[in-house]
Amino acid sequence: MVNSRELSKDTARVLTELPEKGPCLITRNGIVAGILVPPSGQGIETDVDLLARLRMAQAFRQSQAESVLKGTDELTMEEIDAAIRAAREERKLK
């Protein structure tokens, strides 16, 4: 872990150590603010693709958590289809 102040003051050292030490958590006021990840060596396109997949997985998990909080995680397919039909009908009326 590296706090943001240390990263700001000694960026070159942190980046130099990144390939050998692996991912590095960046903290701000003791709270994780980000993660520095060294390149895989398989090409930037591969790394960017993997990061995009990570972001998609994060969004999916957030969506699942919100569904549980709203109580919509137990809806049947019939209930989902009815809600879609209702929304489409409402949109047509506007």
PDB file of N, CA and C in Angstrom:
ATOM      1  N   MET A   1       0.838  -1.185   0.000  1.00  0.00           N
ATOM      2  CA  MET A   1       0.000   0.000   0.000  1.00  0.00           C
ATOM      3  C   MET A   1       0.878   1.241   0.000  1.00  0.00           C
ATOM      4  N   VAL A   2       0.397   2.253  -0.674  1.00  0.00           N
ATOM      5  CA  VAL A   2       1.086   3.529  -0.753  1.00  0.00           C
ATOM      6  C   VAL A   2       0.035   4.612  -0.575  1.00  0.00           C
ATOM      7  N   ASN A   3       0.301   5.568   0.315  1.00  0.00           N
ATOM      8  CA  ASN A   3      -0.669   6.645   0.435  1.00  0.00           C
ATOM      9  C   ASN A   3      -0.445   7.663  -0.682  1.00  0.00           C
ATOM     10  N   SER A   4      -1.460   8.441  -0.962  1.00  0.00           N
ATOM     11  CA  SER A   4      -1.410   9.348  -2.107  1.00  0.00           C
ATOM     12  C   SER A   4      -0.297  10.382  -1.978  1.00  0.00           C
ATOM     13  N   ARG A   5       0.008  10.799  -0.776  1.00  0.00           N
ATOM     14  CA  ARG A   5       1.094  11.766  -0.579  1.00  0.00           C
ATOM     15  C   ARG A   5       2.440  11.144  -0.959  1.00  0.00           C
ATOM     16  N   GLU A   6       2.668   9.894  -0.526  1.00  0.00           N
ATOM     17  CA  GLU A   6       3.908   9.198  -0.879  1.00  0.00           C
ATOM     18  C   GLU A   6       3.994   8.994  -2.388  1.00  0.00           C
ATOM     19  N   LEU A   7       2.880   8.638  -3.011  1.00  0.00           N
ATOM     20  CA  LEU A   7       2.863   8.459  -4.459  1.00  0.00           C
ATOM     21  C   LEU A   7       3.215   9.767  -5.161  1.00  0.00           C
ATOM     22  N   SER A   8       2.678  10.853  -4.664  1.00  0.00           N
ATOM     23  CA  SER A   8       2.956  12.160  -5.252  1.00  0.00           C
ATOM     24  C   SER A   8       4.423  12.539  -5.128  1.00  0.00           C
ATOM     25  N   LYS A   9       5.010  12.265  -3.978  1.00  0.00           N
ATOM     26  CA  LYS A   9       6.393  12.661  -3.726  1.00  0.00           C
ATOM     27  C   LYS A   9       7.413  11.718  -4.344  1.00  0.00           C
ATOM     28  N   ASP A  10       7.058  10.437  -4.505  1.00  0.00           N
ATOM     29  CA  ASP A  10       8.033   9.451  -4.965  1.00  0.00           C
ATOM     30  C   ASP A  10       7.452   8.544  -6.049  1.00  0.00           C
ATOM     31  N   THR A  11       6.825   9.150  -7.041  1.00  0.00           N
ATOM     32  CA  THR A  11       6.169   8.404  -8.119  1.00  0.00           C
ATOM     33  C   THR A  11       7.132   7.468  -8.844  1.00  0.00           C
ATOM     34  N   ALA A  12       8.326   7.963  -9.142  1.00  0.00           N
ATOM     35  CA  ALA A  12       9.294   7.153  -9.902  1.00  0.00           C
ATOM     36  C   ALA A  12       9.619   5.857  -9.176  1.00  0.00           C
ATOM     37  N   ARG A  13       9.826   5.907  -7.858  1.00  0.00           N
ATOM     38  CA  ARG A  13      10.144   4.693  -7.099  1.00  0.00           C
ATOM     39  C   ARG A  13       8.967   3.729  -7.119  1.00  0.00           C
ATOM     40  N   VAL A  14       7.767   4.247  -6.892  1.00  0.00           N
ATOM     41  CA  VAL A  14       6.577   3.389  -6.869  1.00  0.00           C
ATOM     42  C   VAL A  14       6.411   2.690  -8.215  1.00  0.00           C
ATOM     43  N   LEU A  15       6.572   3.427  -9.306  1.00  0.00           N
ATOM     44  CA  LEU A  15       6.421   2.834 -10.634  1.00  0.00           C
ATOM     45  C   LEU A  15       7.543   1.857 -10.959  1.00  0.00           C
ATOM     46  N   THR A  16       8.736   2.133 -10.476  1.00  0.00           N
ATOM     47  CA  THR A  16       9.861   1.224 -10.695  1.00  0.00           C
ATOM     48  C   THR A  16       9.640  -0.101  -9.983  1.00  0.00           C
ATOM     49  N   GLU A  17       9.078  -0.053  -8.781  1.00  0.00           N
ATOM     50  CA  GLU A  17       8.854  -1.269  -7.991  1.00  0.00           C
ATOM     51  C   GLU A  17       7.605  -2.033  -8.410  1.00  0.00           C
ATOM     52  N   LEU A  18       6.724  -1.389  -9.134  1.00  0.00           N
ATOM     53  CA  LEU A  18       5.433  -1.988  -9.485  1.00  0.00           C
ATOM     54  C   LEU A  18       5.553  -3.343 -10.193  1.00  0.00           C
ATOM     55  N   PRO A  19       6.402  -3.492 -11.219  1.00  0.00           N
ATOM     56  CA  PRO A  19       6.468  -4.790 -11.904  1.00  0.00           C
ATOM     57  C   PRO A  19       6.905  -5.942 -10.995  1.00  0.00           C
ATOM     58  N   GLU A  20       7.804  -5.681 -10.070  1.00  0.00           N
ATOM     59  CA  GLU A  20       8.280  -6.774  -9.206  1.00  0.00           C
ATOM     60  C   GLU A  20       7.362  -7.019  -8.014  1.00  0.00           C
ATOM     61  N   LYS A  21       6.732  -5.976  -7.501  1.00  0.00           N
ATOM     62  CA  LYS A  21       5.876  -6.122  -6.324  1.00  0.00           C
ATOM     63  C   LYS A  21       4.428  -6.455  -6.673  1.00  0.00           C
ATOM     64  N   GLY A  22       4.014  -6.138  -7.885  1.00  0.00           N
ATOM     65  CA  GLY A  22       2.638  -6.414  -8.278  1.00  0.00           C
ATOM     66  C   GLY A  22       1.709  -5.272  -7.933  1.00  0.00           C
ATOM     67  N   PRO A  23       0.404  -5.516  -8.022  1.00  0.00           N
ATOM     68  CA  PRO A  23      -0.574  -4.456  -7.787  1.00  0.00           C
ATOM     69  C   PRO A  23      -0.331  -3.723  -6.466  1.00  0.00           C
ATOM     70  N   CYS A  24      -0.583  -2.423  -6.507  1.00  0.00           N
ATOM     71  CA  CYS A  24      -0.323  -1.563  -5.353  1.00  0.00           C
ATOM     72  C   CYS A  24      -1.585  -0.767  -5.030  1.00  0.00           C
ATOM     73  N   LEU A  25      -2.043  -0.876  -3.796  1.00  0.00           N
ATOM     74  CA  LEU A  25      -3.207  -0.106  -3.363  1.00  0.00           C
ATOM     75  C   LEU A  25      -2.770   1.313  -3.055  1.00  0.00           C
ATOM     76  N   ILE A  26      -3.524   2.282  -3.558  1.00  0.00           N
ATOM     77  CA  ILE A  26      -3.275   3.687  -3.270  1.00  0.00           C
ATOM     78  C   ILE A  26      -4.340   4.130  -2.279  1.00  0.00           C
ATOM     79  N   THR A  27      -3.908   4.684  -1.159  1.00  0.00           N
ATOM     80  CA  THR A  27      -4.853   5.110  -0.134  1.00  0.00           C
ATOM     81  C   THR A  27      -4.857   6.625   0.009  1.00  0.00           C
ATOM     82  N   ARG A  28      -5.995   7.137   0.434  1.00  0.00           N
ATOM     83  CA  ARG A  28      -6.142   8.542   0.754  1.00  0.00           C
ATOM     84  C   ARG A  28      -6.866   8.604   2.091  1.00  0.00           C
ATOM     85  N   ASN A  29      -6.196   9.150   3.077  1.00  0.00           N
ATOM     86  CA  ASN A  29      -6.757   9.210   4.438  1.00  0.00           C
ATOM     87  C   ASN A  29      -7.124   7.819   4.959  1.00  0.00           C
ATOM     88  N   GLY A  30      -6.307   6.834   4.617  1.00  0.00           N
ATOM     89  CA  GLY A  30      -6.516   5.474   5.099  1.00  0.00           C
ATOM     90  C   GLY A  30      -7.564   4.681   4.352  1.00  0.00           C
ATOM     91  N   ILE A  31      -8.149   5.262   3.324  1.00  0.00           N
ATOM     92  CA  ILE A  31      -9.192   4.592   2.539  1.00  0.00           C
ATOM     93  C   ILE A  31      -8.642   4.318   1.147  1.00  0.00           C
ATOM     94  N   VAL A  32      -8.856   3.111   0.650  1.00  0.00           N
ATOM     95  CA  VAL A  32      -8.353   2.762  -0.680  1.00  0.00           C
ATOM     96  C   VAL A  32      -9.025   3.651  -1.728  1.00  0.00           C
ATOM     97  N   ALA A  33      -8.189   4.330  -2.522  1.00  0.00           N
ATOM     98  CA  ALA A  33      -8.677   5.237  -3.555  1.00  0.00           C
ATOM     99  C   ALA A  33      -8.474   4.668  -4.959  1.00  0.00           C
ATOM    100  N   GLY A  34      -7.565   3.702  -5.078  1.00  0.00           N
ATOM    101  CA  GLY A  34      -7.301   3.129  -6.381  1.00  0.00           C
ATOM    102  C   GLY A  34      -6.284   2.012  -6.293  1.00  0.00           C
ATOM    103  N   ILE A  35      -6.024   1.420  -7.421  1.00  0.00           N
ATOM    104  CA  ILE A  35      -5.070   0.322  -7.508  1.00  0.00           C
ATOM    105  C   ILE A  35      -4.189   0.552  -8.737  1.00  0.00           C
ATOM    106  N   LEU A  36      -2.900   0.514  -8.537  1.00  0.00           N
ATOM    107  CA  LEU A  36      -1.957   0.543  -9.658  1.00  0.00           C
ATOM    108  C   LEU A  36      -1.645  -0.900 -10.024  1.00  0.00           C
ATOM    109  N   VAL A  37      -1.779  -1.232 -11.297  1.00  0.00           N
ATOM    110  CA  VAL A  37      -1.551  -2.596 -11.755  1.00  0.00           C
ATOM    111  C   VAL A  37      -0.470  -2.570 -12.831  1.00  0.00           C
ATOM    112  N   PRO A  38       0.568  -3.389 -12.676  1.00  0.00           N
ATOM    113  CA  PRO A  38       1.600  -3.412 -13.714  1.00  0.00           C
ATOM    114  C   PRO A  38       1.062  -4.070 -14.979  1.00  0.00           C
ATOM    115  N   PRO A  39       1.608  -3.724 -16.137  1.00  0.00           N
ATOM    116  CA  PRO A  39       1.170  -4.379 -17.371  1.00  0.00           C
ATOM    117  C   PRO A  39       1.513  -5.863 -17.344  1.00  0.00           C
ATOM    118  N   SER A  40       0.712  -6.647 -18.045  1.00  0.00           N
ATOM    119  CA  SER A  40       0.883  -8.106 -18.017  1.00  0.00           C
ATOM    120  C   SER A  40       2.002  -8.591 -18.924  1.00  0.00           C
ATOM    121  N   GLY A  41       2.384  -7.786 -19.889  1.00  0.00           N
ATOM    122  CA  GLY A  41       3.357  -8.243 -20.881  1.00  0.00           C
ATOM    123  C   GLY A  41       2.695  -8.892 -22.080  1.00  0.00           C
ATOM    124  N   GLN A  42       1.368  -8.984 -22.061  1.00  0.00           N
ATOM    125  CA  GLN A  42       0.621  -9.584 -23.180  1.00  0.00           C
ATOM    126  C   GLN A  42       0.071  -8.529 -24.130  1.00  0.00           C
ATOM    127  N   GLY A  43       0.469  -7.292 -23.943  1.00  0.00           N
ATOM    128  CA  GLY A  43       0.003  -6.210 -24.813  1.00  0.00           C
ATOM    129  C   GLY A  43      -1.020  -5.337 -24.123  1.00  0.00           C
ATOM    130  N   ILE A  44      -0.971  -4.067 -24.450  1.00  0.00           N
ATOM    131  CA  ILE A  44      -1.856  -3.092 -23.812  1.00  0.00           C
ATOM    132  C   ILE A  44      -3.322  -3.390 -24.105  1.00  0.00           C
ATOM    133  N   GLU A  45      -3.617  -3.897 -25.311  1.00  0.00           N
ATOM    134  CA  GLU A  45      -5.011  -4.203 -25.648  1.00  0.00           C
ATOM    135  C   GLU A  45      -5.580  -5.270 -24.715  1.00  0.00           C
ATOM    136  N   THR A  46      -4.775  -6.273 -24.411  1.00  0.00           N
ATOM    137  CA  THR A  46      -5.202  -7.334 -23.495  1.00  0.00           C
ATOM    138  C   THR A  46      -5.454  -6.771 -22.105  1.00  0.00           C
ATOM    139  N   ASP A  47      -4.548  -5.923 -21.649  1.00  0.00           N
ATOM    140  CA  ASP A  47      -4.694  -5.341 -20.315  1.00  0.00           C
ATOM    141  C   ASP A  47      -5.919  -4.438 -20.233  1.00  0.00           C
ATOM    142  N   VAL A  48      -6.138  -3.619 -21.257  1.00  0.00           N
ATOM    143  CA  VAL A  48      -7.303  -2.731 -21.271  1.00  0.00           C
ATOM    144  C   VAL A  48      -8.587  -3.551 -21.315  1.00  0.00           C
ATOM    145  N   ASP A  49      -8.586  -4.641 -22.081  1.00  0.00           N
ATOM    146  CA  ASP A  49      -9.747  -5.527 -22.141  1.00  0.00           C
ATOM    147  C   ASP A  49     -10.046  -6.138 -20.770  1.00  0.00           C
ATOM    148  N   LEU A  50      -8.996  -6.596 -20.085  1.00  0.00           N
ATOM    149  CA  LEU A  50      -9.192  -7.175 -18.751  1.00  0.00           C
ATOM    150  C   LEU A  50      -9.729  -6.146 -17.768  1.00  0.00           C
ATOM    151  N   LEU A  51      -9.227  -4.919 -17.848  1.00  0.00           N
ATOM    152  CA  LEU A  51      -9.724  -3.862 -16.968  1.00  0.00           C
ATOM    153  C   LEU A  51     -11.187  -3.531 -17.280  1.00  0.00           C
ATOM    154  N   ALA A  52     -11.547  -3.538 -18.553  1.00  0.00           N
ATOM    155  CA  ALA A  52     -12.944  -3.301 -18.929  1.00  0.00           C
ATOM    156  C   ALA A  52     -13.843  -4.403 -18.381  1.00  0.00           C
ATOM    157  N   ARG A  53     -13.354  -5.648 -18.432  1.00  0.00           N
ATOM    158  CA  ARG A  53     -14.132  -6.767 -17.873  1.00  0.00           C
ATOM    159  C   ARG A  53     -14.291  -6.624 -16.362  1.00  0.00           C
ATOM    160  N   LEU A  54     -13.250  -6.147 -15.707  1.00  0.00           N
ATOM    161  CA  LEU A  54     -13.328  -5.907 -14.269  1.00  0.00           C
ATOM    162  C   LEU A  54     -14.387  -4.861 -13.960  1.00  0.00           C
ATOM    163  N   ARG A  55     -14.384  -3.752 -14.704  1.00  0.00           N
ATOM    164  CA  ARG A  55     -15.375  -2.692 -14.492  1.00  0.00           C
ATOM    165  C   ARG A  55     -16.791  -3.217 -14.729  1.00  0.00           C
ATOM    166  N   MET A  56     -16.945  -4.069 -15.744  1.00  0.00           N
ATOM    167  CA  MET A  56     -18.250  -4.648 -16.024  1.00  0.00           C
ATOM    168  C   MET A  56     -18.699  -5.542 -14.866  1.00  0.00           C
ATOM    169  N   ALA A  57     -17.787  -6.338 -14.341  1.00  0.00           N
ATOM    170  CA  ALA A  57     -18.118  -7.201 -13.199  1.00  0.00           C
ATOM    171  C   ALA A  57     -18.487  -6.372 -11.980  1.00  0.00           C
ATOM    172  N   GLN A  58     -17.784  -5.263 -11.771  1.00  0.00           N
ATOM    173  CA  GLN A  58     -18.101  -4.379 -10.646  1.00  0.00           C
ATOM    174  C   GLN A  58     -19.509  -3.795 -10.813  1.00  0.00           C
ATOM    175  N   ALA A  59     -19.829  -3.362 -12.020  1.00  0.00           N
ATOM    176  CA  ALA A  59     -21.156  -2.801 -12.285  1.00  0.00           C
ATOM    177  C   ALA A  59     -22.240  -3.858 -12.078  1.00  0.00           C
ATOM    178  N   PHE A  60     -21.968  -5.081 -12.514  1.00  0.00           N
ATOM    179  CA  PHE A  60     -22.924  -6.169 -12.354  1.00  0.00           C
ATOM    180  C   PHE A  60     -23.185  -6.461 -10.876  1.00  0.00           C
ATOM    181  N   ARG A  61     -22.114  -6.518 -10.096  1.00  0.00           N
ATOM    182  CA  ARG A  61     -22.275  -6.767  -8.659  1.00  0.00           C
ATOM    183  C   ARG A  61     -23.032  -5.640  -7.977  1.00  0.00           C
ATOM    184  N   GLN A  62     -22.758  -4.401  -8.397  1.00  0.00           N
ATOM    185  CA  GLN A  62     -23.482  -3.258  -7.828  1.00  0.00           C
ATOM    186  C   GLN A  62     -24.964  -3.361  -8.159  1.00  0.00           C
ATOM    187  N   SER A  63     -25.252  -3.747  -9.392  1.00  0.00           N
ATOM    188  CA  SER A  63     -26.636  -3.910  -9.823  1.00  0.00           C
ATOM    189  C   SER A  63     -27.332  -5.002  -9.008  1.00  0.00           C
ATOM    190  N   GLN A  64     -26.631  -6.097  -8.776  1.00  0.00           N
ATOM    191  CA  GLN A  64     -27.196  -7.178  -7.962  1.00  0.00           C
ATOM    192  C   GLN A  64     -27.473  -6.703  -6.535  1.00  0.00           C
ATOM    193  N   ALA A  65     -26.551  -5.963  -5.953  1.00  0.00           N
ATOM    194  CA  ALA A  65     -26.725  -5.463  -4.584  1.00  0.00           C
ATOM    195  C   ALA A  65     -27.926  -4.517  -4.501  1.00  0.00           C
ATOM    196  N   GLU A  66     -28.067  -3.646  -5.496  1.00  0.00           N
ATOM    197  CA  GLU A  66     -29.208  -2.728  -5.524  1.00  0.00           C
ATOM    198  C   GLU A  66     -30.515  -3.494  -5.670  1.00  0.00           C
ATOM    199  N   SER A  67     -30.497  -4.556  -6.455  1.00  0.00           N
ATOM    200  CA  SER A  67     -31.682  -5.377  -6.646  1.00  0.00           C
ATOM    201  C   SER A  67     -32.122  -6.012  -5.326  1.00  0.00           C
ATOM    202  N   VAL A  68     -31.164  -6.477  -4.551  1.00  0.00           N
ATOM    203  CA  VAL A  68     -31.473  -7.079  -3.252  1.00  0.00           C
ATOM    204  C   VAL A  68     -32.071  -6.018  -2.325  1.00  0.00           C
ATOM    205  N   LEU A  69     -31.471  -4.826  -2.315  1.00  0.00           N
ATOM    206  CA  LEU A  69     -31.976  -3.747  -1.453  1.00  0.00           C
ATOM    207  C   LEU A  69     -33.394  -3.334  -1.834  1.00  0.00           C
ATOM    208  N   LYS A  70     -33.695  -3.341  -3.137  1.00  0.00           N
ATOM    209  CA  LYS A  70     -35.026  -2.952  -3.610  1.00  0.00           C
ATOM    210  C   LYS A  70     -36.030  -4.091  -3.522  1.00  0.00           C
ATOM    211  N   GLY A  71     -35.524  -5.307  -3.289  1.00  0.00           N
ATOM    212  CA  GLY A  71     -36.408  -6.463  -3.217  1.00  0.00           C
ATOM    213  C   GLY A  71     -36.813  -6.998  -4.573  1.00  0.00           C
ATOM    214  N   THR A  72     -36.121  -6.573  -5.618  1.00  0.00           N
ATOM    215  CA  THR A  72     -36.468  -7.039  -6.964  1.00  0.00           C
ATOM    216  C   THR A  72     -35.698  -8.287  -7.371  1.00  0.00           C
ATOM    217  N   ASP A  73     -34.872  -8.783  -6.486  1.00  0.00           N
ATOM    218  CA  ASP A  73     -34.078  -9.975  -6.805  1.00  0.00           C
ATOM    219  C   ASP A  73     -34.910 -11.250  -6.825  1.00  0.00           C
ATOM    220  N   GLU A  74     -36.116 -11.188  -6.328  1.00  0.00           N
ATOM    221  CA  GLU A  74     -36.974 -12.373  -6.266  1.00  0.00           C
ATOM    222  C   GLU A  74     -38.063 -12.366  -7.337  1.00  0.00           C
ATOM    223  N   LEU A  75     -38.029 -11.400  -8.262  1.00  0.00           N
ATOM    224  CA  LEU A  75     -39.061 -11.319  -9.295  1.00  0.00           C
ATOM    225  C   LEU A  75     -39.008 -12.535 -10.216  1.00  0.00           C
ATOM    226  N   THR A  76     -40.183 -12.996 -10.616  1.00  0.00           N
ATOM    227  CA  THR A  76     -40.254 -14.085 -11.597  1.00  0.00           C
ATOM    228  C   THR A  76     -40.120 -13.492 -13.000  1.00  0.00           C
ATOM    229  N   MET A  77     -39.890 -14.326 -13.974  1.00  0.00           N
ATOM    230  CA  MET A  77     -39.788 -13.859 -15.358  1.00  0.00           C
ATOM    231  C   MET A  77     -41.099 -13.240 -15.804  1.00  0.00           C
ATOM    232  N   GLU A  78     -42.204 -13.787 -15.359  1.00  0.00           N
ATOM    233  CA  GLU A  78     -43.517 -13.234 -15.715  1.00  0.00           C
ATOM    234  C   GLU A  78     -43.675 -11.824 -15.152  1.00  0.00           C
ATOM    235  N   GLU A  79     -43.234 -11.610 -13.926  1.00  0.00           N
ATOM    236  CA  GLU A  79     -43.317 -10.278 -13.315  1.00  0.00           C
ATOM    237  C   GLU A  79     -42.409  -9.279 -14.038  1.00  0.00           C
ATOM    238  N   ILE A  80     -41.256  -9.732 -14.438  1.00  0.00           N
ATOM    239  CA  ILE A  80     -40.328  -8.871 -15.184  1.00  0.00           C
ATOM    240  C   ILE A  80     -40.944  -8.495 -16.526  1.00  0.00           C
ATOM    241  N   ASP A  81     -41.510  -9.480 -17.240  1.00  0.00           N
ATOM    242  CA  ASP A  81     -42.150  -9.210 -18.531  1.00  0.00           C
ATOM    243  C   ASP A  81     -43.315  -8.237 -18.381  1.00  0.00           C
ATOM    244  N   ALA A  82     -44.108  -8.392 -17.318  1.00  0.00           N
ATOM    245  CA  ALA A  82     -45.234  -7.488 -17.074  1.00  0.00           C
ATOM    246  C   ALA A  82     -44.743  -6.060 -16.804  1.00  0.00           C
ATOM    247  N   ALA A  83     -43.671  -5.924 -16.058  1.00  0.00           N
ATOM    248  CA  ALA A  83     -43.119  -4.595 -15.774  1.00  0.00           C
ATOM    249  C   ALA A  83     -42.599  -3.950 -17.061  1.00  0.00           C
ATOM    250  N   ILE A  84     -41.984  -4.732 -17.919  1.00  0.00           N
ATOM    251  CA  ILE A  84     -41.491  -4.207 -19.203  1.00  0.00           C
ATOM    252  C   ILE A  84     -42.658  -3.753 -20.064  1.00  0.00           C
ATOM    253  N   ARG A  85     -43.704  -4.580 -20.141  1.00  0.00           N
ATOM    254  CA  ARG A  85     -44.889  -4.205 -20.930  1.00  0.00           C
ATOM    255  C   ARG A  85     -45.505  -2.914 -20.403  1.00  0.00           C
ATOM    256  N   ALA A  86     -45.612  -2.803 -19.091  1.00  0.00           N
ATOM    257  CA  ALA A  86     -46.188  -1.604 -18.481  1.00  0.00           C
ATOM    258  C   ALA A  86     -45.352  -0.364 -18.795  1.00  0.00           C
ATOM    259  N   ALA A  87     -44.065  -0.494 -18.721  1.00  0.00           N
ATOM    260  CA  ALA A  87     -43.177   0.643 -19.025  1.00  0.00           C
ATOM    261  C   ALA A  87     -43.296   1.048 -20.484  1.00  0.00           C
ATOM    262  N   ARG A  88     -43.384   0.074 -21.371  1.00  0.00           N
ATOM    263  CA  ARG A  88     -43.522   0.377 -22.803  1.00  0.00           C
ATOM    264  C   ARG A  88     -44.849   1.057 -23.095  1.00  0.00           C
ATOM    265  N   GLU A  89     -45.906   0.588 -22.446  1.00  0.00           N
ATOM    266  CA  GLU A  89     -47.213   1.197 -22.635  1.00  0.00           C
ATOM    267  C   GLU A  89     -47.213   2.647 -22.125  1.00  0.00           C
ATOM    268  N   GLU A  90     -46.589   2.850 -20.975  1.00  0.00           N
ATOM    269  CA  GLU A  90     -46.499   4.206 -20.416  1.00  0.00           C
ATOM    270  C   GLU A  90     -45.725   5.121 -21.351  1.00  0.00           C
ATOM    271  N   ARG A  91     -44.655   4.607 -21.946  1.00  0.00           N
ATOM    272  CA  ARG A  91     -43.828   5.393 -22.864  1.00  0.00           C
ATOM    273  C   ARG A  91     -44.631   5.751 -24.124  1.00  0.00           C
ATOM    274  N   LYS A  92     -45.468   4.830 -24.602  1.00  0.00           N
ATOM    275  CA  LYS A  92     -46.300   5.094 -25.788  1.00  0.00           C
ATOM    276  C   LYS A  92     -47.276   6.232 -25.522  1.00  0.00           C
ATOM    277  N   LEU A  93     -47.785   6.315 -24.288  1.00  0.00           N
ATOM    278  CA  LEU A  93     -48.779   7.331 -23.949  1.00  0.00           C
ATOM    279  C   LEU A  93     -48.166   8.731 -23.880  1.00  0.00           C
ATOM    280  N   LYS A  94     -46.853   8.818 -23.720  1.00  0.00           N
ATOM    281  CA  LYS A  94     -46.201  10.128 -23.604  1.00  0.00           C
ATOM    282  C   LYS A  94     -45.952  10.742 -24.908  1.00  0.00           C
TER     283      LYS A  94
END
